[in-house]
C-alpha atoms as a PDB file:
ATOM      1  CA  MET A   1       0.000   0.000   0.000  1.00  0.00           C
ATOM      2  CA  CYS A   2       1.302   3.415  -0.909  1.00  0.00           C
ATOM      3  CA  ASP A   3      -0.305   6.815  -0.382  1.00  0.00           C
ATOM      4  CA  VAL A   4       2.062   9.690  -0.956  1.00  0.00           C
ATOM      5  CA  GLY A   5      -0.479  12.485  -0.822  1.00  0.00           C
ATOM      6  CA  PHE A   6      -2.361  12.114   2.440  1.00  0.00           C
ATOM      7  CA  GLY A   7      -0.712  14.974   4.317  1.00  0.00           C
ATOM      8  CA  GLY A   8       1.066  15.196   7.636  1.00  0.00           C
ATOM      9  CA  GLN A   9       1.339  11.448   8.164  1.00  0.00           C
ATOM     10  CA  SER A  10       1.858  10.429   4.540  1.00  0.00           C
ATOM     11  CA  LEU A  11       3.528   7.070   4.275  1.00  0.00           C
ATOM     12  CA  SER A  12       7.269   7.493   3.813  1.00  0.00           C
ATOM     13  CA  ALA A  13       7.571   3.885   2.613  1.00  0.00           C
ATOM     14  CA  PRO A  14       5.100   1.409   1.108  1.00  0.00           C
ATOM     15  CA  LEU A  15       3.282  -1.006   3.407  1.00  0.00           C
ATOM     16  CA  GLU A  16       2.487  -4.633   2.763  1.00  0.00           C
ATOM     17  CA  PHE A  17      -1.220  -5.337   2.792  1.00  0.00           C
ATOM     18  CA  LYS A  18      -1.020  -7.506   5.910  1.00  0.00           C
ATOM     19  CA  LEU A  19      -3.682  -7.159   8.535  1.00  0.00           C
ATOM     20  CA  ASN A  20      -2.774  -6.373  12.137  1.00  0.00           C
ATOM     21  CA  ASP A  21       1.007  -6.529  11.591  1.00  0.00           C
ATOM     22  CA  ILE A  22       2.961  -3.529  12.836  1.00  0.00           C
ATOM     23  CA  GLN A  23       5.038  -2.226   9.937  1.00  0.00           C
ATOM     24  CA  GLU A  24       7.927   0.164  10.406  1.00  0.00           C
ATOM     25  CA  THR A  25       8.642   3.061   8.076  1.00  0.00           C
ATOM     26  CA  PRO A  26      11.470   5.588   8.384  1.00  0.00           C
ATOM     27  CA  HIS A  27       9.104   7.890  10.271  1.00  0.00           C
ATOM     28  CA  GLU A  28       6.322   6.029  12.103  1.00  0.00           C
ATOM     29  CA  ASP A  29       4.906   2.574  12.671  1.00  0.00           C
ATOM     30  CA  TYR A  30       1.665   1.672  10.910  1.00  0.00           C
ATOM     31  CA  LYS A  31      -0.814  -1.167  10.847  1.00  0.00           C
ATOM     32  CA  ILE A  32      -3.867  -2.049   8.801  1.00  0.00           C
ATOM     33  CA  ILE A  33      -6.868  -3.492  10.604  1.00  0.00           C
ATOM     34  CA  ARG A  34     -10.258  -4.665   9.366  1.00  0.00           C
ATOM     35  CA  LYS A  35     -13.505  -3.937  11.161  1.00  0.00           C
ATOM     36  CA  ASN A  36     -17.122  -4.145   9.970  1.00  0.00           C
ATOM     37  CA  GLY A  37     -16.100  -4.697   6.351  1.00  0.00           C
ATOM     38  CA  CYS A  38     -13.785  -1.670   6.219  1.00  0.00           C
ATOM     39  CA  TYR A  39     -10.037  -1.335   6.492  1.00  0.00           C
ATOM     40  CA  PHE A  40      -8.393   1.236   8.734  1.00  0.00           C
ATOM     41  CA  LEU A  41      -4.872   2.574   8.399  1.00  0.00           C
ATOM     42  CA  LYS A  42      -3.558   3.310  11.869  1.00  0.00           C
ATOM     43  CA  CYS A  43      -0.406   5.156  12.827  1.00  0.00           C
ATOM     44  CA  SER A  44       1.454   5.075  16.128  1.00  0.00           C
ATOM     45  CA  ILE A  45       1.810   8.661  17.311  1.00  0.00           C
ATOM     46  CA  LYS A  46       3.300   9.186  20.762  1.00  0.00           C
ATOM     47  CA  ASN A  47       2.597   5.526  21.603  1.00  0.00           C
ATOM     48  CA  GLU A  48      -1.085   5.783  20.668  1.00  0.00           C
ATOM     49  CA  TRP A  49      -2.663   4.164  17.597  1.00  0.00           C
ATOM     50  CA  LYS A  50      -4.567   6.818  15.659  1.00  0.00           C
ATOM     51  CA  THR A  51      -6.768   6.161  12.644  1.00  0.00           C
ATOM     52  CA  MET A  52      -5.492   7.992   9.579  1.00  0.00           C
ATOM     53  CA  TYR A  53      -8.376   6.922   7.350  1.00  0.00           C
ATOM     54  CA  LYS A  54     -10.681   4.062   6.475  1.00  0.00           C
ATOM     55  CA  PHE A  55     -11.123   2.452   3.079  1.00  0.00           C
ATOM     56  CA  THR A  56     -12.589  -0.507   1.218  1.00  0.00           C
ATOM     57  CA  LEU A  57     -11.329  -2.545  -1.697  1.00  0.00           C
ATOM     58  CA  ASN A  58     -14.177  -1.373  -3.918  1.00  0.00           C
ATOM     59  CA  THR A  59     -13.156  -0.127  -7.335  1.00  0.00           C
ATOM     60  CA  SER A  60     -12.663   3.629  -7.572  1.00  0.00           C
ATOM     61  CA  TYR A  61     -13.065   5.459 -10.849  1.00  0.00           C
ATOM     62  CA  MET A  62     -11.168   8.486 -12.118  1.00  0.00           C
ATOM     63  CA  VAL A  63     -14.370  10.530 -12.319  1.00  0.00           C
ATOM     64  CA  ASP A  64     -14.800  10.134  -8.554  1.00  0.00           C
ATOM     65  CA  TYR A  65     -11.303  11.472  -7.923  1.00  0.00           C
ATOM     66  CA  LYS A  66     -11.906  14.393 -10.262  1.00  0.00           C
ATOM     67  CA  VAL A  67     -15.035  15.426  -8.387  1.00  0.00           C
ATOM     68  CA  ALA A  68     -13.377  15.061  -4.971  1.00  0.00           C
ATOM     69  CA  ASN A  69     -10.260  16.952  -6.076  1.00  0.00           C
ATOM     70  CA  TRP A  70     -12.333  19.706  -7.637  1.00  0.00           C
ATOM     71  CA  TYR A  71     -14.425  20.045  -4.476  1.00  0.00           C
ATOM     72  CA  THR A  72     -11.473  20.204  -2.068  1.00  0.00           C
ATOM     73  CA  SER A  73      -9.611  22.720  -4.218  1.00  0.00           C
ATOM     74  CA  THR A  74     -12.501  25.057  -5.080  1.00  0.00           C
ATOM     75  CA  HIS A  75     -15.266  24.910  -2.459  1.00  0.00           C
ATOM     76  CA  PRO A  76     -15.287  28.048  -0.262  1.00  0.00           C
ATOM     77  CA  ASP A  77     -15.442  25.947   2.936  1.00  0.00           C
ATOM     78  CA  SER A  78     -12.482  23.730   2.046  1.00  0.00           C
ATOM     79  CA  HIS A  79      -9.499  24.296   4.321  1.00  0.00           C
ATOM     80  CA  PHE A  80      -7.310  23.732   1.248  1.00  0.00           C
ATOM     81  CA  LYS A  81      -8.890  26.843  -0.256  1.00  0.00           C
ATOM     82  CA  ASN A  82      -8.604  28.977   2.880  1.00  0.00           C
ATOM     83  CA  LYS A  83      -5.234  28.047   4.343  1.00  0.00           C
ATOM     84  CA  LEU A  84      -1.634  27.583   3.356  1.00  0.00           C
ATOM     85  CA  ILE A  85      -0.920  23.925   4.138  1.00  0.00           C
ATOM     86  CA  VAL A  86       2.353  22.247   3.210  1.00  0.00           C
ATOM     87  CA  ALA A  87       3.910  19.018   4.529  1.00  0.00           C
ATOM     88  CA  ARG A  88       7.071  17.089   3.712  1.00  0.00           C
ATOM     89  CA  ALA A  89       8.882  14.126   5.210  1.00  0.00           C
ATOM     90  CA  GLY A  90      12.546  14.854   5.867  1.00  0.00           C
ATOM     91  CA  GLU A  91      15.298  12.371   6.624  1.00  0.00           C
ATOM     92  CA  ASP A  92      14.669  12.201  10.374  1.00  0.00           C
ATOM     93  CA  CYS A  93      11.690  14.506  10.749  1.00  0.00           C
ATOM     94  CA  ARG A  94       8.486  15.787   9.232  1.00  0.00           C
ATOM     95  CA  TYR A  95       7.981  19.423   8.297  1.00  0.00           C
ATOM     96  CA  ALA A  96       4.592  21.126   8.448  1.00  0.00           C
ATOM     97  CA  LEU A  97       3.476  24.619   7.536  1.00  0.00           C
ATOM     98  CA  ASP A  98      -0.014  25.687   8.582  1.00  0.00           C
ATOM     99  CA  ASN A  99      -0.422  29.307   7.516  1.00  0.00           C
ATOM    100  CA  THR A 100       2.417  30.972   9.459  1.00  0.00           C
ATOM    101  CA  ARG A 101       2.956  28.159  11.997  1.00  0.00           C
ATOM    102  CA  PHE A 102       6.023  26.137  11.018  1.00  0.00           C
ATOM    103  CA  THR A 103       6.616  22.860  12.860  1.00  0.00           C
ATOM    104  CA  VAL A 104       9.417  20.314  12.752  1.00  0.00           C
ATOM    105  CA  HIS A 105       8.336  16.933  14.143  1.00  0.00           C
ATOM    106  CA  LEU A 106      11.440  14.917  15.025  1.00  0.00           C
ATOM    107  CA  VAL A 107      11.159  11.150  14.536  1.00  0.00           C
ATOM    108  CA  LYS A 108      12.939  10.455  17.808  1.00  0.00           C
ATOM    109  CA  GLY A 109      11.993  13.492  19.816  1.00  0.00           C
ATOM    110  CA  GLU A 110       9.685  16.370  20.423  1.00  0.00           C
ATOM    111  CA  SER A 111       8.153  18.774  17.972  1.00  0.00           C
ATOM    112  CA  LYS A 112       9.549  22.266  17.561  1.00  0.00           C
ATOM    113  CA  GLU A 113       7.052  24.926  16.580  1.00  0.00           C
ATOM    114  CA  ARG A 114       7.445  28.578  15.713  1.00  0.00           C
ATOM    115  CA  TYR A 115       5.605  31.281  13.846  1.00  0.00           C
ATOM    116  CA  LEU A 116       7.188  32.781  10.767  1.00  0.00           C
ATOM    117  CA  ASP A 117       7.971  36.472  11.081  1.00  0.00           C
ATOM    118  CA  SER A 118       7.095  37.810   7.649  1.00  0.00           C
ATOM    119  CA  PRO A 119       5.777  36.990   4.185  1.00  0.00           C
ATOM    120  CA  GLU A 120       9.411  36.887   3.052  1.00  0.00           C
ATOM    121  CA  GLU A 121      10.184  34.206   5.635  1.00  0.00           C
ATOM    122  CA  ILE A 122       7.186  32.182   4.426  1.00  0.00           C
ATOM    123  CA  LYS A 123       8.670  32.246   0.909  1.00  0.00           C
ATOM    124  CA  GLU A 124      12.096  31.228   2.248  1.00  0.00           C
ATOM    125  CA  VAL A 125      10.609  28.238   4.096  1.00  0.00           C
ATOM    126  CA  LEU A 126       8.638  27.216   0.999  1.00  0.00           C
ATOM    127  CA  LYS A 127      11.844  27.356  -1.037  1.00  0.00           C
ATOM    128  CA  ASN A 128      14.458  25.984   1.367  1.00  0.00           C
ATOM    129  CA  ILE A 129      12.479  23.459   3.424  1.00  0.00           C
ATOM    130  CA  PHE A 130       9.714  22.343   1.067  1.00  0.00           C
ATOM    131  CA  HIS A 131      11.744  22.747  -2.154  1.00  0.00           C
ATOM    132  CA  LEU A 132       8.994  24.756  -3.824  1.00  0.00           C
ATOM    133  CA  LYS A 133       9.517  27.662  -6.189  1.00  0.00           C
ATOM    134  CA  PRO A 134       6.709  30.137  -5.556  1.00  0.00           C
ATOM    135  CA  PRO A 135       6.073  32.413  -8.529  1.00  0.00           C
ATOM    136  CA  GLN A 136       7.198  36.007  -8.177  1.00  0.00           C
ATOM    137  CA  THR A 137       3.791  37.567  -8.749  1.00  0.00           C
ATOM    138  CA  ARG A 138       1.877  40.438  -7.230  1.00  0.00           C
ATOM    139  CA  LYS A 139      -1.017  38.066  -6.512  1.00  0.00           C
ATOM    140  CA  LEU A 140       1.224  35.831  -4.387  1.00  0.00           C
ATOM    141  CA  GLU A 141       2.722  38.830  -2.580  1.00  0.00           C
ATOM    142  CA  LEU A 142      -0.755  40.081  -1.677  1.00  0.00           C
ATOM    143  CA  PHE A 143      -1.889  36.601  -0.606  1.00  0.00           C
ATOM    144  CA  LEU A 144       1.128  36.090   1.682  1.00  0.00           C
ATOM    145  CA  ARG A 145       0.816  39.583   3.168  1.00  0.00           C
ATOM    146  CA  GLN A 146      -2.877  39.011   3.939  1.00  0.00           C
ATOM    147  CA  LEU A 147      -2.167  35.511   5.283  1.00  0.00           C
ATOM    148  CA  TYR A 148       0.547  36.878   7.546  1.00  0.00           C
ATOM    149  CA  GLU A 149      -1.623  39.731   8.830  1.00  0.00           C
ATOM    150  CA  GLU A 150      -4.599  37.456   9.526  1.00  0.00           C
ATOM    151  CA  THR A 151      -2.860  34.454  11.080  1.00  0.00           C
ATOM    152  CA  ARG A 152       0.157  35.657  13.009  1.00  0.00           C
ATOM    153  CA  PRO A 153      -0.052  35.305  16.799  1.00  0.00           C
ATOM    154  CA  ASN A 154      -1.008  38.346  18.878  1.00  0.00           C
ATOM    155  CA  ASN A 155      -2.876  39.735  15.931  1.00  0.00           C
END
């Protein structure tokens, strides 16, 4: 099983489709369980098994993905439309950016969280940590300025 686009706990290695077996990845331990006809992917976070999602083995069709992707990227209530959300697995950590809150989750340790100090710092983190190349456009500058003003602490 491989799911590289789930988000903060995306698998950093494929899993075998074996029920109930704990499977190690470079970042977390996972297991797949079956209950009431559904499968659940669980992840061990701070020694607690948390459900990441549930699924079935029913056939999925591309049209279903298109509708779901369109909805999550365009609906006004979608958090993907209203927030800056970026995640990446590093060698011994996971990086997360939620608006201006930047967090480094160490595999063998605690999380370190801080708020970015400016729109320029947001762009630097996108470039240097997430390896993204944001376009140099006025629209992006305005978006990052507004995001910073609306989401920084002690606003």
